[in-house]
Every structure is written in C-alpha cells, then in structure tokens.
Amino acid sequence: MFSDNIIQLRKLHNMTQEDLADKIGVTRQSVAQWESGRTCPNLNQSKAIADALGVSLDDLANYDPNENLGLNVPPRGKHLFGLVTVGDKGQIVIPARARKVFDIKPGDRLVVLGEEGQGIAIVKADSFLKIAEAIRNS
C-alpha cells in the first residue's frame, strides 16, 4: 500500500524518481527501493515525501484505494469517507471518520447546500452562519 501510494502520487504529479529524490534530499535509488517495497523511508523522510506529494502522512501510509472506490489518494485536506445509503425518509449516516475530522457531534445543526449538476454539501451551521453574516455585513 505505502509503496503503491508513492508510485501513484509521484506519477500523478508528473515526477520521476529523480525529481522526488531531489525534492526530499535522497538518492534516486532510495526512492526506487521504497517503491519496490525493499526498504521503507524513516519518519522524517516519510513526512518529506508526504509534503512533496501534497498528502497527509496518514494517507501516504494507510490509504487503500480498494476501500475507497478505487480512487487515488486525495490531496491534503480533501477526504473520501466512503459510500452511505439513503434511508426511506432521506436520512444518511455520516461516517464516523467524517464526524471526527469535522468535529460533528449529536445535536449539532448542519446546513445542506446544493448545486444542480454538482451535488450536495453539508456544513456545520455555526460556521456557515458566521460566513453568511460576514458577507452580509461587508
């Protein structure tokens, strides 16, 4: 998974092994060994790789495309939380990881936004109302 993520992200950024090596201060051979799975970078090198490729260290190490609709590792700050099923009354369960990342707790109010042809977005009401008030006052 780790070595596959490095390969996929490096190619996504149109980088050669040499390019990535130069960015993080190692040899091309080191990158080749990481990508083959023969060796692993140390923690500082792993952080540098994640930074160079614009992803979180957690996603670089743990992201499994097979668990995420076959999609590539998302850029830092972007998330794919998986699929949810709409119930009979239109309800969905927000995945636990999404609730943790966005600090959504029982009783929180959410705003549901939508743009035809684009999709639906869910935003915490407090954040949305602060932005709306700032726009209104400007």
C-alpha atoms as a PDB file:
ATOM      1  CA  MET A   1       0.000   0.000   0.000  1.00  0.00           C
ATOM      2  CA  PHE A   2       2.716   2.505   1.058  1.00  0.00           C
ATOM      3  CA  SER A   3       4.959   1.818  -1.937  1.00  0.00           C
ATOM      4  CA  ASP A   4       1.972   1.801  -4.308  1.00  0.00           C
ATOM      5  CA  ASN A   5       0.843   5.173  -2.922  1.00  0.00           C
ATOM      6  CA  ILE A   6       4.275   6.706  -3.509  1.00  0.00           C
ATOM      7  CA  ILE A   7       4.314   5.449  -7.108  1.00  0.00           C
ATOM      8  CA  GLN A   8       0.758   6.588  -7.850  1.00  0.00           C
ATOM      9  CA  LEU A   9       1.240  10.045  -6.323  1.00  0.00           C
ATOM     10  CA  ARG A  10       4.641  10.601  -7.923  1.00  0.00           C
ATOM     11  CA  LYS A  11       3.204   9.787 -11.333  1.00  0.00           C
ATOM     12  CA  LEU A  12       0.120  11.905 -10.662  1.00  0.00           C
ATOM     13  CA  HIS A  13       2.466  14.867 -10.095  1.00  0.00           C
ATOM     14  CA  ASN A  14       4.428  14.017 -13.279  1.00  0.00           C
ATOM     15  CA  MET A  15       7.560  13.430 -11.225  1.00  0.00           C
ATOM     16  CA  THR A  16      10.349  10.998 -11.928  1.00  0.00           C
ATOM     17  CA  GLN A  17      12.043   9.106  -9.129  1.00  0.00           C
ATOM     18  CA  GLU A  18      14.926  11.549  -9.587  1.00  0.00           C
ATOM     19  CA  ASP A  19      12.569  14.540  -9.185  1.00  0.00           C
ATOM     20  CA  LEU A  20      11.127  13.172  -5.938  1.00  0.00           C
ATOM     21  CA  ALA A  21      14.590  12.275  -4.658  1.00  0.00           C
ATOM     22  CA  ASP A  22      15.817  15.825  -5.319  1.00  0.00           C
ATOM     23  CA  LYS A  23      12.814  17.320  -3.519  1.00  0.00           C
ATOM     24  CA  ILE A  24      13.387  15.336  -0.353  1.00  0.00           C
ATOM     25  CA  GLY A  25      17.172  15.152  -0.385  1.00  0.00           C
ATOM     26  CA  VAL A  26      17.814  11.453  -1.051  1.00  0.00           C
ATOM     27  CA  THR A  27      19.126   9.410  -3.954  1.00  0.00           C
ATOM     28  CA  ARG A  28      17.004   8.103  -6.802  1.00  0.00           C
ATOM     29  CA  GLN A  29      17.996   4.610  -5.690  1.00  0.00           C
ATOM     30  CA  SER A  30      16.388   5.236  -2.292  1.00  0.00           C
ATOM     31  CA  VAL A  31      13.107   6.183  -3.961  1.00  0.00           C
ATOM     32  CA  ALA A  32      13.340   3.097  -6.190  1.00  0.00           C
ATOM     33  CA  GLN A  33      13.841   0.859  -3.152  1.00  0.00           C
ATOM     34  CA  TRP A  34      10.856   2.412  -1.346  1.00  0.00           C
ATOM     35  CA  GLU A  35       8.677   1.982  -4.410  1.00  0.00           C
ATOM     36  CA  SER A  36       9.720  -1.656  -4.778  1.00  0.00           C
ATOM     37  CA  GLY A  37       8.967  -2.286  -1.105  1.00  0.00           C
ATOM     38  CA  ARG A  38      12.517  -3.484  -0.403  1.00  0.00           C
ATOM     39  CA  THR A  39      13.056  -0.728   2.178  1.00  0.00           C
ATOM     40  CA  CYS A  40      10.991   1.943   3.899  1.00  0.00           C
ATOM     41  CA  PRO A  41      11.853   5.581   4.487  1.00  0.00           C
ATOM     42  CA  ASN A  42      12.349   6.780   8.041  1.00  0.00           C
ATOM     43  CA  LEU A  43       9.730   9.003   9.653  1.00  0.00           C
ATOM     44  CA  ASN A  44      11.358  12.282   8.609  1.00  0.00           C
ATOM     45  CA  GLN A  45      11.719  11.076   5.034  1.00  0.00           C
ATOM     46  CA  SER A  46       8.113   9.849   5.030  1.00  0.00           C
ATOM     47  CA  LYS A  47       6.930  13.278   6.163  1.00  0.00           C
ATOM     48  CA  ALA A  48       9.022  14.920   3.441  1.00  0.00           C
ATOM     49  CA  ILE A  49       7.542  12.567   0.830  1.00  0.00           C
ATOM     50  CA  ALA A  50       4.003  13.367   2.008  1.00  0.00           C
ATOM     51  CA  ASP A  51       4.727  17.103   1.890  1.00  0.00           C
ATOM     52  CA  ALA A  52       6.297  16.868  -1.569  1.00  0.00           C
ATOM     53  CA  LEU A  53       3.289  14.941  -2.867  1.00  0.00           C
ATOM     54  CA  GLY A  54       0.685  17.140  -1.134  1.00  0.00           C
ATOM     55  CA  VAL A  55      -0.943  14.457   1.016  1.00  0.00           C
ATOM     56  CA  SER A  56      -1.134  13.670   4.708  1.00  0.00           C
ATOM     57  CA  LEU A  57       1.383  11.258   6.176  1.00  0.00           C
ATOM     58  CA  ASP A  58      -1.533   9.081   7.316  1.00  0.00           C
ATOM     59  CA  ASP A  59      -2.945   8.848   3.790  1.00  0.00           C
ATOM     60  CA  LEU A  60       0.503   8.188   2.308  1.00  0.00           C
ATOM     61  CA  ALA A  61       0.995   5.252   4.656  1.00  0.00           C
ATOM     62  CA  ASN A  62      -2.517   3.887   5.041  1.00  0.00           C
ATOM     63  CA  TYR A  63      -4.729   4.900   2.130  1.00  0.00           C
ATOM     64  CA  ASP A  64      -6.166   1.835   0.388  1.00  0.00           C
ATOM     65  CA  PRO A  65      -7.794   2.559  -2.980  1.00  0.00           C
ATOM     66  CA  ASN A  66      -9.694  -0.745  -2.756  1.00  0.00           C
ATOM     67  CA  GLU A  67     -11.577   0.620   0.255  1.00  0.00           C
ATOM     68  CA  ASN A  68     -12.248   3.952  -1.464  1.00  0.00           C
ATOM     69  CA  LEU A  69     -13.996   3.175  -4.745  1.00  0.00           C
ATOM     70  CA  GLY A  70     -10.639   2.554  -6.422  1.00  0.00           C
ATOM     71  CA  LEU A  71      -9.798   6.260  -6.315  1.00  0.00           C
ATOM     72  CA  ASN A  72      -6.340   7.701  -5.752  1.00  0.00           C
ATOM     73  CA  VAL A  73      -5.085   9.243  -2.535  1.00  0.00           C
ATOM     74  CA  PRO A  74      -6.838  12.601  -2.101  1.00  0.00           C
ATOM     75  CA  PRO A  75      -4.812  15.824  -1.683  1.00  0.00           C
ATOM     76  CA  ARG A  76      -4.160  17.050   1.860  1.00  0.00           C
ATOM     77  CA  GLY A  77      -7.353  18.436   3.374  1.00  0.00           C
ATOM     78  CA  LYS A  78      -9.597  16.575   0.920  1.00  0.00           C
ATOM     79  CA  HIS A  79     -11.368  13.424   2.041  1.00  0.00           C
ATOM     80  CA  LEU A  80     -13.268  10.472   0.676  1.00  0.00           C
ATOM     81  CA  PHE A  81     -15.196   8.920   3.530  1.00  0.00           C
ATOM     82  CA  GLY A  82     -16.872   6.168   1.522  1.00  0.00           C
ATOM     83  CA  LEU A  83     -20.398   5.420   0.492  1.00  0.00           C
ATOM     84  CA  VAL A  84     -23.557   5.984   2.524  1.00  0.00           C
ATOM     85  CA  THR A  85     -27.056   4.703   1.865  1.00  0.00           C
ATOM     86  CA  VAL A  86     -30.090   6.972   1.825  1.00  0.00           C
ATOM     87  CA  GLY A  87     -32.856   5.643   4.051  1.00  0.00           C
ATOM     88  CA  ASP A  88     -36.611   5.589   3.362  1.00  0.00           C
ATOM     89  CA  LYS A  89     -37.057   9.083   4.787  1.00  0.00           C
ATOM     90  CA  GLY A  90     -33.959  10.559   3.141  1.00  0.00           C
ATOM     91  CA  GLN A  91     -31.678  10.115   6.148  1.00  0.00           C
ATOM     92  CA  ILE A  92     -27.999   9.232   5.885  1.00  0.00           C
ATOM     93  CA  VAL A  93     -25.445   8.286   8.497  1.00  0.00           C
ATOM     94  CA  ILE A  94     -22.345  10.462   8.336  1.00  0.00           C
ATOM     95  CA  PRO A  95     -19.326   8.133   8.557  1.00  0.00           C
ATOM     96  CA  ALA A  96     -17.556   8.116  11.922  1.00  0.00           C
ATOM     97  CA  ARG A  97     -14.253   9.305  10.424  1.00  0.00           C
ATOM     98  CA  ALA A  98     -16.026  12.307   8.845  1.00  0.00           C
ATOM     99  CA  ARG A  99     -17.683  13.147  12.167  1.00  0.00           C
ATOM    100  CA  LYS A 100     -14.284  13.016  13.867  1.00  0.00           C
ATOM    101  CA  VAL A 101     -12.450  15.097  11.237  1.00  0.00           C
ATOM    102  CA  PHE A 102     -15.164  17.779  11.223  1.00  0.00           C
ATOM    103  CA  ASP A 103     -15.997  17.555  14.946  1.00  0.00           C
ATOM    104  CA  ILE A 104     -19.665  16.738  14.326  1.00  0.00           C
ATOM    105  CA  LYS A 105     -21.460  15.658  17.478  1.00  0.00           C
ATOM    106  CA  PRO A 106     -25.018  14.556  18.224  1.00  0.00           C
ATOM    107  CA  GLY A 107     -27.284  17.607  18.339  1.00  0.00           C
ATOM    108  CA  ASP A 108     -25.110  19.726  16.028  1.00  0.00           C
ATOM    109  CA  ARG A 109     -27.046  21.630  13.393  1.00  0.00           C
ATOM    110  CA  LEU A 110     -25.948  21.224   9.778  1.00  0.00           C
ATOM    111  CA  VAL A 111     -26.733  23.216   6.651  1.00  0.00           C
ATOM    112  CA  VAL A 112     -27.330  21.236   3.472  1.00  0.00           C
ATOM    113  CA  LEU A 113     -26.295  23.130   0.346  1.00  0.00           C
ATOM    114  CA  GLY A 114     -26.697  22.033  -3.226  1.00  0.00           C
ATOM    115  CA  GLU A 115     -25.989  22.988  -6.783  1.00  0.00           C
ATOM    116  CA  GLU A 116     -27.809  21.153  -9.532  1.00  0.00           C
ATOM    117  CA  GLY A 117     -25.365  19.222 -11.638  1.00  0.00           C
ATOM    118  CA  GLN A 118     -22.675  19.494  -8.958  1.00  0.00           C
ATOM    119  CA  GLY A 119     -24.016  17.851  -5.825  1.00  0.00           C
ATOM    120  CA  ILE A 120     -24.745  18.397  -2.174  1.00  0.00           C
ATOM    121  CA  ALA A 121     -22.510  19.813   0.558  1.00  0.00           C
ATOM    122  CA  ILE A 122     -23.028  19.623   4.301  1.00  0.00           C
ATOM    123  CA  VAL A 123     -21.611  22.377   6.505  1.00  0.00           C
ATOM    124  CA  LYS A 124     -21.841  22.938  10.252  1.00  0.00           C
ATOM    125  CA  ALA A 125     -24.493  25.601  10.796  1.00  0.00           C
ATOM    126  CA  ASP A 126     -22.341  27.750  13.103  1.00  0.00           C
ATOM    127  CA  SER A 127     -19.549  28.034  10.525  1.00  0.00           C
ATOM    128  CA  PHE A 128     -21.942  28.716   7.677  1.00  0.00           C
ATOM    129  CA  LEU A 129     -23.873  31.368   9.598  1.00  0.00           C
ATOM    130  CA  LYS A 130     -20.648  33.191  10.560  1.00  0.00           C
ATOM    131  CA  ILE A 131     -19.617  33.333   6.900  1.00  0.00           C
ATOM    132  CA  ALA A 132     -23.089  34.453   5.826  1.00  0.00           C
ATOM    133  CA  GLU A 133     -23.100  37.194   8.458  1.00  0.00           C
ATOM    134  CA  ALA A 134     -19.656  38.410   7.376  1.00  0.00           C
ATOM    135  CA  ILE A 135     -20.832  38.594   3.753  1.00  0.00           C
ATOM    136  CA  ARG A 136     -23.981  40.386   4.753  1.00  0.00           C
ATOM    137  CA  ASN A 137     -22.004  42.979   6.749  1.00  0.00           C
ATOM    138  CA  SER A 138     -19.448  43.690   4.023  1.00  0.00           C
END
